[in-house]
Every structure is written in structure tokens, then in C-alpha cells.
Amino acid sequence: MTEPTEDSTGALKDLTGSLRSGWQRFLAVYEPLRPELFRYCRYLTRSPWDAEDLAQDTMARAGDVCRELDVPFRTNGYRNW
């Protein structure tokens, strides 16, 4: 196995920093919506445990979709449906 060079280490730090900042932006925008999402999931499932699982899965999928599509983070996107 080869040792990482300074260039590859710097690139890795840049990538890690950009991923971290993207995740922080996602959380800053969508985390305030989590209680409302949980209430809706609780209404659908009638179970707090299933609702928590569903809410977590929904947040994870939303993060993946936003990252794949490089969508700017908006809080009113679901209201436009």
C-alpha cells in the first residue's frame, strides 16, 4: 500500500470539508421541519417507533436526492406539490 501524498491529502480534506458543509446546510434547512414530519409520520403509522423510522428514512432519502440532483436547499418545495 502506498502512502498518501500531500496533494491527495489536501484533496481529501477539501472533499471532506465540502461534504461536511453540504450536510450542515441540509440540516440547517430541513431539521426544523422534522417535528412536523414526525407528526405526519405518526399520523400515518399510528406508532411512535415506526414514525421515527419513517421520518429518518425520509430525511436520509431527501439528503440523497438533494445531493444527486445538486438541488438548492428550499424549505417550501413540498408545498408546491
Protein backbone atom coordinates (compact mmCIF):
# COMPACT_ATOMS: atom_id res chain seq x y z
CA MET A 1 0.00 0.00 0.00
CA THR A 2 1.35 3.43 -0.86
CA GLU A 3 1.49 6.39 1.44
CA PRO A 4 -0.80 9.34 0.64
CA THR A 5 0.92 12.34 -0.88
CA GLU A 6 0.41 15.91 0.23
CA ASP A 7 -1.71 16.58 -2.86
CA SER A 8 -4.04 13.65 -2.21
CA THR A 9 -4.30 14.51 1.49
CA GLY A 10 -5.21 18.12 0.66
CA ALA A 11 -7.79 16.99 -1.90
CA LEU A 12 -9.29 14.60 0.64
CA LYS A 13 -9.54 17.38 3.22
CA ASP A 14 -11.22 19.65 0.65
CA LEU A 15 -13.70 16.92 -0.27
CA THR A 16 -14.43 16.14 3.37
CA GLY A 17 -14.92 19.83 4.11
CA SER A 18 -17.31 20.33 1.21
CA LEU A 19 -19.32 17.23 2.15
CA ARG A 20 -19.50 18.35 5.74
CA SER A 21 -20.62 21.86 4.78
CA GLY A 22 -23.25 20.41 2.44
CA TRP A 23 -24.57 18.18 5.21
CA GLN A 24 -24.62 21.10 7.63
CA ARG A 25 -26.57 23.21 5.12
CA PHE A 26 -29.03 20.35 4.65
CA LEU A 27 -29.54 20.02 8.40
CA ALA A 28 -29.89 23.77 8.87
CA VAL A 29 -32.70 23.90 6.33
CA TYR A 30 -34.56 20.63 6.89
CA GLU A 31 -34.05 19.86 10.57
CA PRO A 32 -36.62 22.50 11.65
CA LEU A 33 -39.19 20.59 9.55
CA ARG A 34 -38.51 17.33 11.39
CA PRO A 35 -41.18 17.75 14.13
CA GLU A 36 -43.86 18.38 11.52
CA LEU A 37 -42.63 15.40 9.50
CA PHE A 38 -42.65 13.22 12.63
CA ARG A 39 -46.24 14.24 13.44
CA TYR A 40 -47.32 13.34 9.92
CA CYS A 41 -45.48 10.00 10.06
CA ARG A 42 -47.07 9.33 13.46
CA TYR A 43 -50.48 10.01 11.91
CA LEU A 44 -49.73 7.58 9.07
CA THR A 45 -48.29 4.77 11.16
CA ARG A 46 -50.10 5.22 14.50
CA SER A 47 -46.85 4.15 16.17
CA PRO A 48 -44.11 6.42 17.55
CA TRP A 49 -41.39 3.88 16.77
CA ASP A 50 -42.50 3.30 13.19
CA ALA A 51 -42.99 7.05 12.75
CA GLU A 52 -39.42 7.73 13.87
CA ASP A 53 -38.09 5.12 11.44
CA LEU A 54 -40.17 6.57 8.61
CA ALA A 55 -39.09 10.13 9.40
CA GLN A 56 -35.40 9.12 9.50
CA ASP A 57 -35.73 7.24 6.23
CA THR A 58 -37.45 10.22 4.63
CA MET A 59 -34.72 12.63 5.79
CA ALA A 60 -31.99 10.27 4.54
CA ARG A 61 -33.65 9.93 1.14
CA ALA A 62 -34.16 13.69 0.89
CA GLY A 63 -30.46 14.20 1.57
CA ASP A 64 -29.51 11.68 -1.10
CA VAL A 65 -31.82 13.21 -3.69
CA CYS A 66 -30.63 16.75 -3.00
CA ARG A 67 -27.02 15.64 -3.29
CA GLU A 68 -27.61 13.69 -6.52
CA LEU A 69 -29.55 16.47 -8.19
CA ASP A 70 -27.44 19.26 -6.68
CA VAL A 71 -30.70 20.97 -5.77
CA PRO A 72 -30.50 24.22 -3.84
CA PHE A 73 -31.96 23.74 -0.40
CA ARG A 74 -35.50 25.09 -0.10
CA THR A 75 -37.98 24.77 2.70
CA ASN A 76 -41.13 25.26 0.67
CA GLY A 77 -40.52 22.63 -2.01
CA TYR A 78 -43.03 20.17 -0.59
CA ARG A 79 -45.71 22.85 -0.53
CA ASN A 80 -45.53 23.23 -4.33
CA TRP A 81 -46.79 19.69 -4.96
